[in-house]
């Protein structure tokens, strides 16, 4: 069974064409006068979130002073309105769990939080 057939049968997986999705969401945001920025430097992300009054404290797993984020293990997106005010923030991490599970990863990292 091919991936698409499996998805149709189980509904468990749907291929995501990331580059097309980004283009679509960027166009939708632009229609609302929002510019999306994507970055990989989490020091920059933290400096943006710290100066955004409506944003709570950035979770430790997105703060490089609390959790190591190697190249290729995460990215962030920030939306700016026409006045360059931050209107959205989002960050994503990829965890290498080949030698355990997420609960074990968190218990090891707990000392860093």
Protein backbone atom coordinates (compact mmCIF):
# COMPACT_ATOMS: atom_id res chain seq x y z
CA UNK A 1 0.00 0.00 0.00
CA UNK A 2 1.32 3.45 -0.94
CA UNK A 3 1.43 6.33 1.55
CA UNK A 4 -1.55 8.10 -0.05
CA UNK A 5 -3.58 4.89 -0.05
CA UNK A 6 -2.71 4.27 3.59
CA UNK A 7 -3.76 7.80 4.50
CA UNK A 8 -7.05 7.35 2.75
CA UNK A 9 -7.68 4.11 4.62
CA UNK A 10 -6.51 5.13 8.09
CA UNK A 11 -6.67 8.93 7.94
CA UNK A 12 -3.47 8.82 9.99
CA UNK A 13 -1.07 10.56 7.61
CA UNK A 14 -1.54 13.25 5.04
CA UNK A 15 1.49 14.41 3.04
CA UNK A 16 2.35 18.03 3.76
CA UNK A 17 4.00 19.94 0.96
CA UNK A 18 5.79 22.46 3.14
CA UNK A 19 6.99 24.87 0.48
CA UNK A 20 3.47 25.13 -0.99
CA UNK A 21 1.96 25.57 2.47
CA UNK A 22 4.36 28.36 3.35
CA UNK A 23 3.56 30.17 0.11
CA UNK A 24 -0.20 29.87 0.73
CA UNK A 25 -0.02 31.08 4.35
CA UNK A 26 2.36 33.89 3.43
CA UNK A 27 -0.09 35.08 0.77
CA UNK A 28 -3.01 34.88 3.23
CA UNK A 29 -1.05 36.86 5.81
CA UNK A 30 -0.05 39.46 3.21
CA UNK A 31 -3.73 40.01 2.40
CA UNK A 32 -4.13 41.07 6.04
CA UNK A 33 -1.02 43.30 5.87
CA UNK A 34 1.03 40.84 7.92
CA UNK A 35 4.60 40.02 6.93
CA UNK A 36 5.87 36.62 8.03
CA UNK A 37 9.49 36.24 9.04
CA UNK A 38 11.12 32.84 9.50
CA UNK A 39 14.34 32.33 11.37
CA UNK A 40 16.65 29.77 12.88
CA UNK A 41 18.58 31.90 15.39
CA UNK A 42 16.78 31.38 18.68
CA UNK A 43 18.73 34.18 20.37
CA UNK A 44 16.97 36.51 17.92
CA UNK A 45 13.60 34.82 18.60
CA UNK A 46 14.00 35.34 22.36
CA UNK A 47 14.95 38.98 21.86
CA UNK A 48 11.76 39.45 19.79
CA UNK A 49 9.52 37.66 22.27
CA UNK A 50 11.02 39.48 25.28
CA UNK A 51 10.10 42.85 23.76
CA UNK A 52 6.57 41.81 22.80
CA UNK A 53 4.25 42.96 25.60
CA UNK A 54 1.44 40.54 24.71
CA UNK A 55 3.75 37.50 24.65
CA UNK A 56 4.34 35.55 27.81
CA UNK A 57 7.73 34.23 28.77
CA UNK A 58 9.31 32.01 26.09
CA UNK A 59 9.31 28.35 27.08
CA UNK A 60 12.76 27.07 28.13
CA UNK A 61 12.97 24.56 25.28
CA UNK A 62 13.05 27.55 22.85
CA UNK A 63 15.60 29.51 24.87
CA UNK A 64 19.20 28.71 23.88
CA UNK A 65 20.41 29.78 27.33
CA UNK A 66 18.34 26.91 28.80
CA UNK A 67 18.28 24.28 26.03
CA UNK A 68 20.77 23.63 23.25
CA UNK A 69 19.20 24.08 19.83
CA UNK A 70 21.53 22.81 17.12
CA UNK A 71 21.31 23.87 13.49
CA UNK A 72 18.44 22.06 11.77
CA UNK A 73 16.61 21.29 15.03
CA UNK A 74 14.19 24.18 15.06
CA UNK A 75 12.77 27.26 13.44
CA UNK A 76 10.53 30.16 14.37
CA UNK A 77 7.97 32.35 12.62
CA UNK A 78 7.05 35.90 13.57
CA UNK A 79 4.29 37.96 11.98
CA UNK A 80 4.60 41.74 11.76
CA UNK A 81 1.79 44.18 11.05
CA UNK A 82 2.17 47.23 8.81
CA UNK A 83 3.69 49.18 11.75
CA UNK A 84 6.23 46.38 12.39
CA UNK A 85 4.39 45.38 15.54
CA UNK A 86 4.55 41.70 16.43
CA UNK A 87 1.15 40.07 15.93
CA UNK A 88 2.16 36.41 16.11
CA UNK A 89 5.00 34.24 17.28
CA UNK A 90 5.52 30.53 16.91
CA UNK A 91 8.48 28.21 17.27
CA UNK A 92 9.02 24.54 16.52
CA UNK A 93 11.66 22.08 17.70
CA UNK A 94 12.77 18.71 16.36
CA UNK A 95 13.98 16.33 19.03
CA UNK A 96 16.29 13.39 18.33
CA UNK A 97 14.56 10.56 20.18
CA UNK A 98 16.30 7.59 18.55
CA UNK A 99 17.70 6.49 21.91
CA UNK A 100 14.56 7.00 24.00
CA UNK A 101 11.18 8.65 24.16
CA UNK A 102 10.01 12.20 24.83
CA UNK A 103 9.33 11.56 28.53
CA UNK A 104 12.90 10.33 29.00
CA UNK A 105 14.21 13.32 27.06
CA UNK A 106 12.31 15.70 29.32
CA UNK A 107 13.45 13.97 32.50
CA UNK A 108 17.09 14.33 31.39
CA UNK A 109 16.54 17.96 30.35
CA UNK A 110 14.61 18.78 33.53
CA UNK A 111 17.80 19.97 35.16
CA UNK A 112 18.09 22.60 32.42
CA UNK A 113 14.58 23.95 32.89
